[in-house]
């Protein structure tokens, strides 16, 4: 993979990271404890609020997981090891990196892990 390709993927990763950080900051209030006035809110509304909070917590967890993958990929770019499978050390197909620039495994190794 040439330097221009690596820089393109670095830009994609940084853009995606910035978007995730912004959405995480915007969603911060969704994961705060549910405060409901028990006298004025019905049972269905309480359940709905708790379900919404649970979904927000899971979304935050997935977002943090993606941020860790992006951080790892950016570190690999800095060390010159980006684009190589973490399992077999073969090149990761650039088409796979186009779909997910944070991919750390080639298609063959990823399919074996699933």
PDB file of N, CA and C in Angstrom:
ATOM      1  N   UNK A   1       0.859  -1.168   0.000  1.00  0.00           N
ATOM      2  CA  UNK A   1       0.000   0.000   0.000  1.00  0.00           C
ATOM      3  C   UNK A   1       0.909   1.237   0.000  1.00  0.00           C
ATOM      4  N   UNK A   2       0.602   2.174  -0.880  1.00  0.00           N
ATOM      5  CA  UNK A   2       1.456   3.360  -0.958  1.00  0.00           C
ATOM      6  C   UNK A   2       1.046   4.420   0.064  1.00  0.00           C
ATOM      7  N   UNK A   3       1.878   5.425   0.205  1.00  0.00           N
ATOM      8  CA  UNK A   3       1.676   6.465   1.213  1.00  0.00           C
ATOM      9  C   UNK A   3       0.369   7.229   0.997  1.00  0.00           C
ATOM     10  N   UNK A   4      -0.001   7.468  -0.264  1.00  0.00           N
ATOM     11  CA  UNK A   4      -1.247   8.194  -0.554  1.00  0.00           C
ATOM     12  C   UNK A   4      -2.455   7.408  -0.050  1.00  0.00           C
ATOM     13  N   UNK A   5      -2.434   6.089  -0.240  1.00  0.00           N
ATOM     14  CA  UNK A   5      -3.535   5.249   0.254  1.00  0.00           C
ATOM     15  C   UNK A   5      -3.608   5.297   1.777  1.00  0.00           C
ATOM     16  N   UNK A   6      -2.462   5.196   2.421  1.00  0.00           N
ATOM     17  CA  UNK A   6      -2.418   5.229   3.886  1.00  0.00           C
ATOM     18  C   UNK A   6      -2.964   6.559   4.394  1.00  0.00           C
ATOM     19  N   UNK A   7      -2.580   7.656   3.754  1.00  0.00           N
ATOM     20  CA  UNK A   7      -3.066   8.975   4.175  1.00  0.00           C
ATOM     21  C   UNK A   7      -4.575   9.102   3.960  1.00  0.00           C
ATOM     22  N   UNK A   8      -5.078   8.499   2.885  1.00  0.00           N
ATOM     23  CA  UNK A   8      -6.519   8.511   2.630  1.00  0.00           C
ATOM     24  C   UNK A   8      -7.252   7.776   3.754  1.00  0.00           C
ATOM     25  N   UNK A   9      -6.749   6.604   4.127  1.00  0.00           N
ATOM     26  CA  UNK A   9      -7.383   5.839   5.199  1.00  0.00           C
ATOM     27  C   UNK A   9      -7.246   6.555   6.541  1.00  0.00           C
ATOM     28  N   UNK A  10      -6.117   7.220   6.753  1.00  0.00           N
ATOM     29  CA  UNK A  10      -5.933   7.990   7.984  1.00  0.00           C
ATOM     30  C   UNK A  10      -6.980   9.090   8.073  1.00  0.00           C
ATOM     31  N   UNK A  11      -7.213   9.769   6.964  1.00  0.00           N
ATOM     32  CA  UNK A  11      -8.227  10.831   6.942  1.00  0.00           C
ATOM     33  C   UNK A  11      -9.620  10.253   7.215  1.00  0.00           C
ATOM     34  N   UNK A  12      -9.939   9.117   6.593  1.00  0.00           N
ATOM     35  CA  UNK A  12     -11.237   8.470   6.835  1.00  0.00           C
ATOM     36  C   UNK A  12     -11.395   8.097   8.308  1.00  0.00           C
ATOM     37  N   UNK A  13     -10.355   7.541   8.895  1.00  0.00           N
ATOM     38  CA  UNK A  13     -10.398   7.148  10.307  1.00  0.00           C
ATOM     39  C   UNK A  13     -10.580   8.358  11.214  1.00  0.00           C
ATOM     40  N   UNK A  14      -9.838   9.428  10.948  1.00  0.00           N
ATOM     41  CA  UNK A  14      -9.950  10.628  11.778  1.00  0.00           C
ATOM     42  C   UNK A  14     -11.329  11.267  11.651  1.00  0.00           C
ATOM     43  N   UNK A  15     -11.874  11.284  10.442  1.00  0.00           N
ATOM     44  CA  UNK A  15     -13.213  11.837  10.232  1.00  0.00           C
ATOM     45  C   UNK A  15     -14.256  11.012  10.975  1.00  0.00           C
ATOM     46  N   UNK A  16     -14.143   9.696  10.870  1.00  0.00           N
ATOM     47  CA  UNK A  16     -15.089   8.813  11.561  1.00  0.00           C
ATOM     48  C   UNK A  16     -14.957   8.963  13.076  1.00  0.00           C
ATOM     49  N   UNK A  17     -13.721   9.050  13.564  1.00  0.00           N
ATOM     50  CA  UNK A  17     -13.483   9.239  15.000  1.00  0.00           C
ATOM     51  C   UNK A  17     -14.119  10.539  15.484  1.00  0.00           C
ATOM     52  N   UNK A  18     -13.916  11.612  14.741  1.00  0.00           N
ATOM     53  CA  UNK A  18     -14.476  12.905  15.134  1.00  0.00           C
ATOM     54  C   UNK A  18     -16.002  12.862  15.170  1.00  0.00           C
ATOM     55  N   UNK A  19     -16.607  12.162  14.208  1.00  0.00           N
ATOM     56  CA  UNK A  19     -18.061  12.019  14.197  1.00  0.00           C
ATOM     57  C   UNK A  19     -18.566  11.219  15.384  1.00  0.00           C
ATOM     58  N   UNK A  20     -17.850  10.147  15.729  1.00  0.00           N
ATOM     59  CA  UNK A  20     -18.240   9.334  16.885  1.00  0.00           C
ATOM     60  C   UNK A  20     -18.117  10.115  18.185  1.00  0.00           C
ATOM     61  N   UNK A  21     -17.052  10.886  18.321  1.00  0.00           N
ATOM     62  CA  UNK A  21     -16.859  11.688  19.533  1.00  0.00           C
ATOM     63  C   UNK A  21     -17.970  12.722  19.654  1.00  0.00           C
ATOM     64  N   UNK A  22     -18.318  13.369  18.550  1.00  0.00           N
ATOM     65  CA  UNK A  22     -19.383  14.374  18.574  1.00  0.00           C
ATOM     66  C   UNK A  22     -20.725  13.746  18.935  1.00  0.00           C
ATOM     67  N   UNK A  23     -21.025  12.585  18.358  1.00  0.00           N
ATOM     68  CA  UNK A  23     -22.305  11.943  18.672  1.00  0.00           C
ATOM     69  C   UNK A  23     -22.316  11.412  20.096  1.00  0.00           C
ATOM     70  N   UNK A  24     -21.157  11.009  20.604  1.00  0.00           N
ATOM     71  CA  UNK A  24     -21.076  10.546  21.988  1.00  0.00           C
ATOM     72  C   UNK A  24     -21.350  11.695  22.947  1.00  0.00           C
ATOM     73  N   UNK A  25     -20.810  12.857  22.650  1.00  0.00           N
ATOM     74  CA  UNK A  25     -21.052  14.019  23.501  1.00  0.00           C
ATOM     75  C   UNK A  25     -22.520  14.431  23.452  1.00  0.00           C
ATOM     76  N   UNK A  26     -23.120  14.355  22.267  1.00  0.00           N
ATOM     77  CA  UNK A  26     -24.524  14.730  22.127  1.00  0.00           C
ATOM     78  C   UNK A  26     -25.444  13.741  22.840  1.00  0.00           C
ATOM     79  N   UNK A  27     -25.047  12.476  22.884  1.00  0.00           N
ATOM     80  CA  UNK A  27     -25.891  11.441  23.485  1.00  0.00           C
ATOM     81  C   UNK A  27     -25.636  11.246  24.972  1.00  0.00           C
ATOM     82  N   UNK A  28     -24.713  11.971  25.530  1.00  0.00           N
ATOM     83  CA  UNK A  28     -24.332  11.799  26.935  1.00  0.00           C
ATOM     84  C   UNK A  28     -25.539  11.836  27.871  1.00  0.00           C
ATOM     85  N   UNK A  29     -26.456  12.744  27.636  1.00  0.00           N
ATOM     86  CA  UNK A  29     -27.604  12.884  28.533  1.00  0.00           C
ATOM     87  C   UNK A  29     -28.569  11.706  28.432  1.00  0.00           C
ATOM     88  N   UNK A  30     -28.536  10.955  27.339  1.00  0.00           N
ATOM     89  CA  UNK A  30     -29.441   9.821  27.170  1.00  0.00           C
ATOM     90  C   UNK A  30     -29.121   8.670  28.110  1.00  0.00           C
ATOM     91  N   UNK A  31     -27.901   8.625  28.606  1.00  0.00           N
ATOM     92  CA  UNK A  31     -27.506   7.514  29.471  1.00  0.00           C
ATOM     93  C   UNK A  31     -27.561   7.865  30.950  1.00  0.00           C
ATOM     94  N   UNK A  32     -27.964   9.081  31.252  1.00  0.00           N
ATOM     95  CA  UNK A  32     -28.081   9.477  32.652  1.00  0.00           C
ATOM     96  C   UNK A  32     -29.248   8.728  33.292  1.00  0.00           C
ATOM     97  N   UNK A  33     -29.217   8.544  34.610  1.00  0.00           N
ATOM     98  CA  UNK A  33     -30.306   7.827  35.280  1.00  0.00           C
ATOM     99  C   UNK A  33     -31.669   8.451  34.977  1.00  0.00           C
ATOM    100  N   UNK A  34     -32.647   7.571  34.806  1.00  0.00           N
ATOM    101  CA  UNK A  34     -33.998   8.022  34.499  1.00  0.00           C
ATOM    102  C   UNK A  34     -34.628   8.603  35.753  1.00  0.00           C
ATOM    103  N   UNK A  35     -35.056   9.844  35.677  1.00  0.00           N
ATOM    104  CA  UNK A  35     -35.721  10.526  36.784  1.00  0.00           C
ATOM    105  C   UNK A  35     -37.176  10.781  36.378  1.00  0.00           C
ATOM    106  N   UNK A  36     -38.077  10.034  36.962  1.00  0.00           N
ATOM    107  CA  UNK A  36     -39.490  10.193  36.638  1.00  0.00           C
ATOM    108  C   UNK A  36     -40.287  10.449  37.904  1.00  0.00           C
ATOM    109  N   UNK A  37     -41.263  11.314  37.780  1.00  0.00           N
ATOM    110  CA  UNK A  37     -42.195  11.558  38.874  1.00  0.00           C
ATOM    111  C   UNK A  37     -43.207  10.413  38.854  1.00  0.00           C
ATOM    112  N   UNK A  38     -43.118   9.529  39.828  1.00  0.00           N
ATOM    113  CA  UNK A  38     -43.952   8.333  39.854  1.00  0.00           C
ATOM    114  C   UNK A  38     -45.446   8.648  39.869  1.00  0.00           C
ATOM    115  N   UNK A  39     -45.822   9.789  40.420  1.00  0.00           N
ATOM    116  CA  UNK A  39     -47.240  10.134  40.514  1.00  0.00           C
ATOM    117  C   UNK A  39     -47.809  10.603  39.181  1.00  0.00           C
ATOM    118  N   UNK A  40     -46.993  11.237  38.354  1.00  0.00           N
ATOM    119  CA  UNK A  40     -47.545  11.830  37.136  1.00  0.00           C
ATOM    120  C   UNK A  40     -47.226  11.050  35.864  1.00  0.00           C
ATOM    121  N   UNK A  41     -46.417  10.005  35.957  1.00  0.00           N
ATOM    122  CA  UNK A  41     -46.040   9.249  34.772  1.00  0.00           C
ATOM    123  C   UNK A  41     -46.568   7.828  34.901  1.00  0.00           C
ATOM    124  N   UNK A  42     -47.180   7.343  33.843  1.00  0.00           N
ATOM    125  CA  UNK A  42     -47.738   6.001  33.857  1.00  0.00           C
ATOM    126  C   UNK A  42     -46.677   4.930  33.741  1.00  0.00           C
ATOM    127  N   UNK A  43     -47.103   3.691  33.985  1.00  0.00           N
ATOM    128  CA  UNK A  43     -46.190   2.546  33.960  1.00  0.00           C
ATOM    129  C   UNK A  43     -45.545   2.377  32.588  1.00  0.00           C
ATOM    130  N   UNK A  44     -46.328   2.540  31.523  1.00  0.00           N
ATOM    131  CA  UNK A  44     -45.807   2.379  30.168  1.00  0.00           C
ATOM    132  C   UNK A  44     -44.730   3.426  29.880  1.00  0.00           C
ATOM    133  N   UNK A  45     -44.939   4.642  30.342  1.00  0.00           N
ATOM    134  CA  UNK A  45     -43.947   5.704  30.131  1.00  0.00           C
ATOM    135  C   UNK A  45     -42.649   5.396  30.867  1.00  0.00           C
ATOM    136  N   UNK A  46     -42.752   4.836  32.060  1.00  0.00           N
ATOM    137  CA  UNK A  46     -41.547   4.468  32.810  1.00  0.00           C
ATOM    138  C   UNK A  46     -40.783   3.364  32.085  1.00  0.00           C
ATOM    139  N   UNK A  47     -41.505   2.363  31.616  1.00  0.00           N
ATOM    140  CA  UNK A  47     -40.867   1.261  30.887  1.00  0.00           C
ATOM    141  C   UNK A  47     -40.212   1.781  29.616  1.00  0.00           C
ATOM    142  N   UNK A  48     -40.909   2.671  28.914  1.00  0.00           N
ATOM    143  CA  UNK A  48     -40.360   3.253  27.690  1.00  0.00           C
ATOM    144  C   UNK A  48     -39.088   4.046  27.986  1.00  0.00           C
ATOM    145  N   UNK A  49     -39.093   4.810  29.060  1.00  0.00           N
ATOM    146  CA  UNK A  49     -37.916   5.608  29.433  1.00  0.00           C
ATOM    147  C   UNK A  49     -36.744   4.702  29.792  1.00  0.00           C
ATOM    148  N   UNK A  50     -37.011   3.624  30.524  1.00  0.00           N
ATOM    149  CA  UNK A  50     -35.950   2.686  30.894  1.00  0.00           C
ATOM    150  C   UNK A  50     -35.398   1.958  29.669  1.00  0.00           C
ATOM    151  N   UNK A  51     -36.289   1.599  28.742  1.00  0.00           N
ATOM    152  CA  UNK A  51     -35.849   0.939  27.517  1.00  0.00           C
ATOM    153  C   UNK A  51     -34.994   1.887  26.672  1.00  0.00           C
ATOM    154  N   UNK A  52     -35.402   3.130  26.570  1.00  0.00           N
ATOM    155  CA  UNK A  52     -34.619   4.119  25.822  1.00  0.00           C
ATOM    156  C   UNK A  52     -33.239   4.302  26.444  1.00  0.00           C
ATOM    157  N   UNK A  53     -33.201   4.335  27.767  1.00  0.00           N
ATOM    158  CA  UNK A  53     -31.918   4.472  28.456  1.00  0.00           C
ATOM    159  C   UNK A  53     -31.037   3.254  28.180  1.00  0.00           C
ATOM    160  N   UNK A  54     -31.607   2.070  28.221  1.00  0.00           N
ATOM    161  CA  UNK A  54     -30.853   0.848  27.973  1.00  0.00           C
ATOM    162  C   UNK A  54     -30.277   0.833  26.557  1.00  0.00           C
ATOM    163  N   UNK A  55     -31.078   1.257  25.593  1.00  0.00           N
ATOM    164  CA  UNK A  55     -30.599   1.322  24.212  1.00  0.00           C
ATOM    165  C   UNK A  55     -29.481   2.349  24.077  1.00  0.00           C
ATOM    166  N   UNK A  56     -29.598   3.468  24.770  1.00  0.00           N
ATOM    167  CA  UNK A  56     -28.562   4.505  24.721  1.00  0.00           C
ATOM    168  C   UNK A  56     -27.255   4.000  25.333  1.00  0.00           C
ATOM    169  N   UNK A  57     -27.356   3.230  26.405  1.00  0.00           N
ATOM    170  CA  UNK A  57     -26.160   2.670  27.043  1.00  0.00           C
ATOM    171  C   UNK A  57     -25.457   1.702  26.084  1.00  0.00           C
ATOM    172  N   UNK A  58     -26.220   0.846  25.418  1.00  0.00           N
ATOM    173  CA  UNK A  58     -25.636  -0.106  24.471  1.00  0.00           C
ATOM    174  C   UNK A  58     -25.016   0.620  23.278  1.00  0.00           C
ATOM    175  N   UNK A  59     -25.680   1.648  22.783  1.00  0.00           N
ATOM    176  CA  UNK A  59     -25.133   2.437  21.678  1.00  0.00           C
ATOM    177  C   UNK A  59     -23.818   3.079  22.088  1.00  0.00           C
ATOM    178  N   UNK A  60     -23.749   3.579  23.302  1.00  0.00           N
ATOM    179  CA  UNK A  60     -22.513   4.176  23.812  1.00  0.00           C
ATOM    180  C   UNK A  60     -21.405   3.131  23.899  1.00  0.00           C
ATOM    181  N   UNK A  61     -21.743   1.939  24.341  1.00  0.00           N
ATOM    182  CA  UNK A  61     -20.755   0.859  24.433  1.00  0.00           C
ATOM    183  C   UNK A  61     -20.195   0.518  23.049  1.00  0.00           C
ATOM    184  N   UNK A  62     -21.078   0.413  22.063  1.00  0.00           N
ATOM    185  CA  UNK A  62     -20.637   0.107  20.702  1.00  0.00           C
ATOM    186  C   UNK A  62     -19.791   1.237  20.123  1.00  0.00           C
ATOM    187  N   UNK A  63     -20.172   2.460  20.431  1.00  0.00           N
ATOM    188  CA  UNK A  63     -19.423   3.629  19.957  1.00  0.00           C
ATOM    189  C   UNK A  63     -18.015   3.626  20.555  1.00  0.00           C
ATOM    190  N   UNK A  64     -17.905   3.304  21.834  1.00  0.00           N
ATOM    191  CA  UNK A  64     -16.592   3.250  22.486  1.00  0.00           C
ATOM    192  C   UNK A  64     -15.733   2.129  21.909  1.00  0.00           C
ATOM    193  N   UNK A  65     -16.357   1.014  21.595  1.00  0.00           N
ATOM    194  CA  UNK A  65     -15.638  -0.100  20.977  1.00  0.00           C
ATOM    195  C   UNK A  65     -15.086   0.328  19.610  1.00  0.00           C
ATOM    196  N   UNK A  66     -15.900   1.025  18.835  1.00  0.00           N
ATOM    197  CA  UNK A  66     -15.457   1.499  17.526  1.00  0.00           C
ATOM    198  C   UNK A  66     -14.328   2.524  17.673  1.00  0.00           C
ATOM    199  N   UNK A  67     -14.430   3.388  18.669  1.00  0.00           N
ATOM    200  CA  UNK A  67     -13.365   4.370  18.914  1.00  0.00           C
ATOM    201  C   UNK A  67     -12.040   3.684  19.261  1.00  0.00           C
ATOM    202  N   UNK A  68     -12.105   2.586  20.013  1.00  0.00           N
ATOM    203  CA  UNK A  68     -10.883   1.836  20.336  1.00  0.00           C
ATOM    204  C   UNK A  68     -10.268   1.233  19.069  1.00  0.00           C
ATOM    205  N   UNK A  69     -11.108   0.682  18.194  1.00  0.00           N
ATOM    206  CA  UNK A  69     -10.614   0.119  16.937  1.00  0.00           C
ATOM    207  C   UNK A  69      -9.953   1.199  16.082  1.00  0.00           C
ATOM    208  N   UNK A  70     -10.573   2.372  16.029  1.00  0.00           N
ATOM    209  CA  UNK A  70     -10.019   3.473  15.240  1.00  0.00           C
ATOM    210  C   UNK A  70      -8.694   3.925  15.835  1.00  0.00           C
ATOM    211  N   UNK A  71      -8.637   4.035  17.145  1.00  0.00           N
ATOM    212  CA  UNK A  71      -7.402   4.439  17.816  1.00  0.00           C
ATOM    213  C   UNK A  71      -6.274   3.450  17.522  1.00  0.00           C
ATOM    214  N   UNK A  72      -6.588   2.176  17.540  1.00  0.00           N
ATOM    215  CA  UNK A  72      -5.599   1.147  17.228  1.00  0.00           C
ATOM    216  C   UNK A  72      -5.120   1.276  15.785  1.00  0.00           C
ATOM    217  N   UNK A  73      -6.059   1.486  14.862  1.00  0.00           N
ATOM    218  CA  UNK A  73      -5.695   1.634  13.446  1.00  0.00           C
ATOM    219  C   UNK A  73      -4.811   2.860  13.233  1.00  0.00           C
ATOM    220  N   UNK A  74      -5.137   3.964  13.896  1.00  0.00           N
ATOM    221  CA  UNK A  74      -4.315   5.173  13.766  1.00  0.00           C
ATOM    222  C   UNK A  74      -2.910   4.946  14.335  1.00  0.00           C
ATOM    223  N   UNK A  75      -2.809   4.190  15.422  1.00  0.00           N
ATOM    224  CA  UNK A  75      -1.494   3.864  15.987  1.00  0.00           C
ATOM    225  C   UNK A  75      -0.696   2.988  15.018  1.00  0.00           C
ATOM    226  N   UNK A  76      -1.382   2.079  14.331  1.00  0.00           N
ATOM    227  CA  UNK A  76      -0.706   1.232  13.342  1.00  0.00           C
ATOM    228  C   UNK A  76      -0.207   2.062  12.163  1.00  0.00           C
ATOM    229  N   UNK A  77      -0.972   3.080  11.784  1.00  0.00           N
ATOM    230  CA  UNK A  77      -0.519   3.978  10.716  1.00  0.00           C
ATOM    231  C   UNK A  77       0.768   4.670  11.145  1.00  0.00           C
ATOM    232  N   UNK A  78       0.786   5.164  12.367  1.00  0.00           N
ATOM    233  CA  UNK A  78       1.970   5.872  12.871  1.00  0.00           C
ATOM    234  C   UNK A  78       3.196   4.958  12.948  1.00  0.00           C
ATOM    235  N   UNK A  79       2.973   3.691  13.269  1.00  0.00           N
ATOM    236  CA  UNK A  79       4.103   2.759  13.392  1.00  0.00           C
ATOM    237  C   UNK A  79       4.503   2.135  12.056  1.00  0.00           C
ATOM    238  N   UNK A  80       3.704   2.383  11.011  1.00  0.00           N
ATOM    239  CA  UNK A  80       4.010   1.823   9.698  1.00  0.00           C
ATOM    240  C   UNK A  80       3.499   0.414   9.493  1.00  0.00           C
ATOM    241  N   UNK A  81       2.655  -0.069  10.400  1.00  0.00           N
ATOM    242  CA  UNK A  81       2.144  -1.438  10.319  1.00  0.00           C
ATOM    243  C   UNK A  81       0.698  -1.518   9.851  1.00  0.00           C
ATOM    244  N   UNK A  82       0.135  -0.420   9.394  1.00  0.00           N
ATOM    245  CA  UNK A  82      -1.274  -0.396   8.976  1.00  0.00           C
ATOM    246  C   UNK A  82      -1.444  -1.167   7.663  1.00  0.00           C
ATOM    247  N   UNK A  83      -2.554  -1.881   7.579  1.00  0.00           N
ATOM    248  CA  UNK A  83      -2.878  -2.598   6.350  1.00  0.00           C
ATOM    249  C   UNK A  83      -2.422  -4.042   6.341  1.00  0.00           C
ATOM    250  N   UNK A  84      -1.847  -4.486   7.451  1.00  0.00           N
ATOM    251  CA  UNK A  84      -1.417  -5.877   7.572  1.00  0.00           C
ATOM    252  C   UNK A  84      -2.304  -6.591   8.581  1.00  0.00           C
ATOM    253  N   UNK A  85      -2.664  -7.824   8.268  1.00  0.00           N
ATOM    254  CA  UNK A  85      -3.515  -8.631   9.142  1.00  0.00           C
ATOM    255  C   UNK A  85      -2.802  -8.890  10.468  1.00  0.00           C
ATOM    256  N   UNK A  86      -3.528  -8.713  11.557  1.00  0.00           N
ATOM    257  CA  UNK A  86      -2.949  -8.923  12.890  1.00  0.00           C
ATOM    258  C   UNK A  86      -2.756 -10.404  13.215  1.00  0.00           C
ATOM    259  N   UNK A  87      -3.339 -11.281  12.398  1.00  0.00           N
ATOM    260  CA  UNK A  87      -3.226 -12.721  12.650  1.00  0.00           C
ATOM    261  C   UNK A  87      -2.150 -13.359  11.767  1.00  0.00           C
ATOM    262  N   UNK A  88      -2.249 -13.141  10.448  1.00  0.00           N
ATOM    263  CA  UNK A  88      -1.343 -13.832   9.517  1.00  0.00           C
ATOM    264  C   UNK A  88      -0.278 -12.923   8.900  1.00  0.00           C
ATOM    265  N   UNK A  89      -0.346 -11.626   9.162  1.00  0.00           N
ATOM    266  CA  UNK A  89       0.609 -10.632   8.645  1.00  0.00           C
ATOM    267  C   UNK A  89       0.538 -10.412   7.137  1.00  0.00           C
ATOM    268  N   UNK A  90      -0.454 -10.975   6.467  1.00  0.00           N
ATOM    269  CA  UNK A  90      -0.644 -10.690   5.043  1.00  0.00           C
ATOM    270  C   UNK A  90      -1.284  -9.321   4.884  1.00  0.00           C
ATOM    271  N   UNK A  91      -1.191  -8.775   3.671  1.00  0.00           N
ATOM    272  CA  UNK A  91      -1.852  -7.499   3.386  1.00  0.00           C
ATOM    273  C   UNK A  91      -3.362  -7.654   3.509  1.00  0.00           C
ATOM    274  N   UNK A  92      -4.010  -6.637   4.071  1.00  0.00           N
ATOM    275  CA  UNK A  92      -5.474  -6.582   4.083  1.00  0.00           C
ATOM    276  C   UNK A  92      -5.888  -5.947   2.763  1.00  0.00           C
ATOM    277  N   UNK A  93      -6.824  -6.575   2.070  1.00  0.00           N
ATOM    278  CA  UNK A  93      -7.294  -6.070   0.778  1.00  0.00           C
ATOM    279  C   UNK A  93      -7.776  -4.627   0.932  1.00  0.00           C
ATOM    280  N   UNK A  94      -7.283  -3.707   0.106  1.00  0.00           N
ATOM    281  CA  UNK A  94      -7.722  -2.308   0.194  1.00  0.00           C
ATOM    282  C   UNK A  94      -9.239  -2.136   0.080  1.00  0.00           C
ATOM    283  N   UNK A  95      -9.903  -3.056  -0.635  1.00  0.00           N
ATOM    284  CA  UNK A  95     -11.372  -2.966  -0.726  1.00  0.00           C
ATOM    285  C   UNK A  95     -12.008  -3.201   0.642  1.00  0.00           C
ATOM    286  N   UNK A  96     -11.407  -4.072   1.442  1.00  0.00           N
ATOM    287  CA  UNK A  96     -11.905  -4.297   2.808  1.00  0.00           C
ATOM    288  C   UNK A  96     -11.688  -3.044   3.648  1.00  0.00           C
ATOM    289  N   UNK A  97     -10.531  -2.416   3.494  1.00  0.00           N
ATOM    290  CA  UNK A  97     -10.242  -1.197   4.245  1.00  0.00           C
ATOM    291  C   UNK A  97     -11.134  -0.039   3.797  1.00  0.00           C
ATOM    292  N   UNK A  98     -11.566  -0.048   2.535  1.00  0.00           N
ATOM    293  CA  UNK A  98     -12.510   0.977   2.063  1.00  0.00           C
ATOM    294  C   UNK A  98     -13.824   0.867   2.836  1.00  0.00           C
ATOM    295  N   UNK A  99     -14.251  -0.366   3.097  1.00  0.00           N
ATOM    296  CA  UNK A  99     -15.503  -0.602   3.822  1.00  0.00           C
ATOM    297  C   UNK A  99     -15.333  -0.286   5.299  1.00  0.00           C
ATOM    298  N   UNK A 100     -14.231  -0.748   5.884  1.00  0.00           N
ATOM    299  CA  UNK A 100     -13.949  -0.509   7.302  1.00  0.00           C
ATOM    300  C   UNK A 100     -12.460  -0.243   7.480  1.00  0.00           C
ATOM    301  N   UNK A 101     -12.063   1.037   7.461  1.00  0.00           N
ATOM    302  CA  UNK A 101     -10.643   1.362   7.579  1.00  0.00           C
ATOM    303  C   UNK A 101     -10.020   0.909   8.899  1.00  0.00           C
ATOM    304  N   UNK A 102     -10.842   0.567   9.886  1.00  0.00           N
ATOM    305  CA  UNK A 102     -10.323   0.115  11.175  1.00  0.00           C
ATOM    306  C   UNK A 102     -10.139  -1.401  11.225  1.00  0.00           C
ATOM    307  N   UNK A 103     -10.364  -2.080  10.107  1.00  0.00           N
ATOM    308  CA  UNK A 103     -10.199  -3.539  10.072  1.00  0.00           C
ATOM    309  C   UNK A 103      -8.777  -3.923  10.442  1.00  0.00           C
ATOM    310  N   UNK A 104      -8.668  -4.930  11.289  1.00  0.00           N
ATOM    311  CA  UNK A 104      -7.336  -5.378  11.705  1.00  0.00           C
ATOM    312  C   UNK A 104      -7.000  -6.766  11.171  1.00  0.00           C
ATOM    313  N   UNK A 105      -7.958  -7.390  10.476  1.00  0.00           N
ATOM    314  CA  UNK A 105      -7.729  -8.731   9.941  1.00  0.00           C
ATOM    315  C   UNK A 105      -8.142  -8.797   8.479  1.00  0.00           C
ATOM    316  N   UNK A 106      -7.469  -9.672   7.746  1.00  0.00           N
ATOM    317  CA  UNK A 106      -7.868  -9.924   6.367  1.00  0.00           C
ATOM    318  C   UNK A 106      -9.186 -10.709   6.380  1.00  0.00           C
ATOM    319  N   UNK A 107      -9.810 -10.809   5.224  1.00  0.00           N
ATOM    320  CA  UNK A 107     -11.103 -11.490   5.126  1.00  0.00           C
ATOM    321  C   UNK A 107     -10.979 -12.949   5.554  1.00  0.00           C
ATOM    322  N   UNK A 108      -9.914 -13.610   5.156  1.00  0.00           N
ATOM    323  CA  UNK A 108      -9.730 -15.027   5.485  1.00  0.00           C
ATOM    324  C   UNK A 108      -9.676 -15.245   6.996  1.00  0.00           C
ATOM    325  N   UNK A 109      -8.852 -14.473   7.681  1.00  0.00           N
ATOM    326  CA  UNK A 109      -8.720 -14.634   9.136  1.00  0.00           C
ATOM    327  C   UNK A 109      -9.989 -14.197   9.866  1.00  0.00           C
ATOM    328  N   UNK A 110     -10.627 -13.138   9.384  1.00  0.00           N
ATOM    329  CA  UNK A 110     -11.867 -12.672  10.015  1.00  0.00           C
ATOM    330  C   UNK A 110     -12.961 -13.719   9.882  1.00  0.00           C
ATOM    331  N   UNK A 111     -13.045 -14.381   8.726  1.00  0.00           N
ATOM    332  CA  UNK A 111     -14.083 -15.400   8.548  1.00  0.00           C
ATOM    333  C   UNK A 111     -13.804 -16.632   9.405  1.00  0.00           C
ATOM    334  N   UNK A 112     -12.544 -16.928   9.666  1.00  0.00           N
ATOM    335  CA  UNK A 112     -12.202 -18.047  10.554  1.00  0.00           C
ATOM    336  C   UNK A 112     -12.598 -17.749  11.996  1.00  0.00           C
ATOM    337  N   UNK A 113     -12.561 -16.473  12.380  1.00  0.00           N
ATOM    338  CA  UNK A 113     -12.898 -16.083  13.755  1.00  0.00           C
ATOM    339  C   UNK A 113     -14.400 -16.085  14.002  1.00  0.00           C
ATOM    340  N   UNK A 114     -15.183 -15.984  12.946  1.00  0.00           N
ATOM    341  CA  UNK A 114     -16.648 -15.922  13.123  1.00  0.00           C
ATOM    342  C   UNK A 114     -17.259 -17.240  13.302  1.00  0.00           C
TER     343      UNK A 114
END
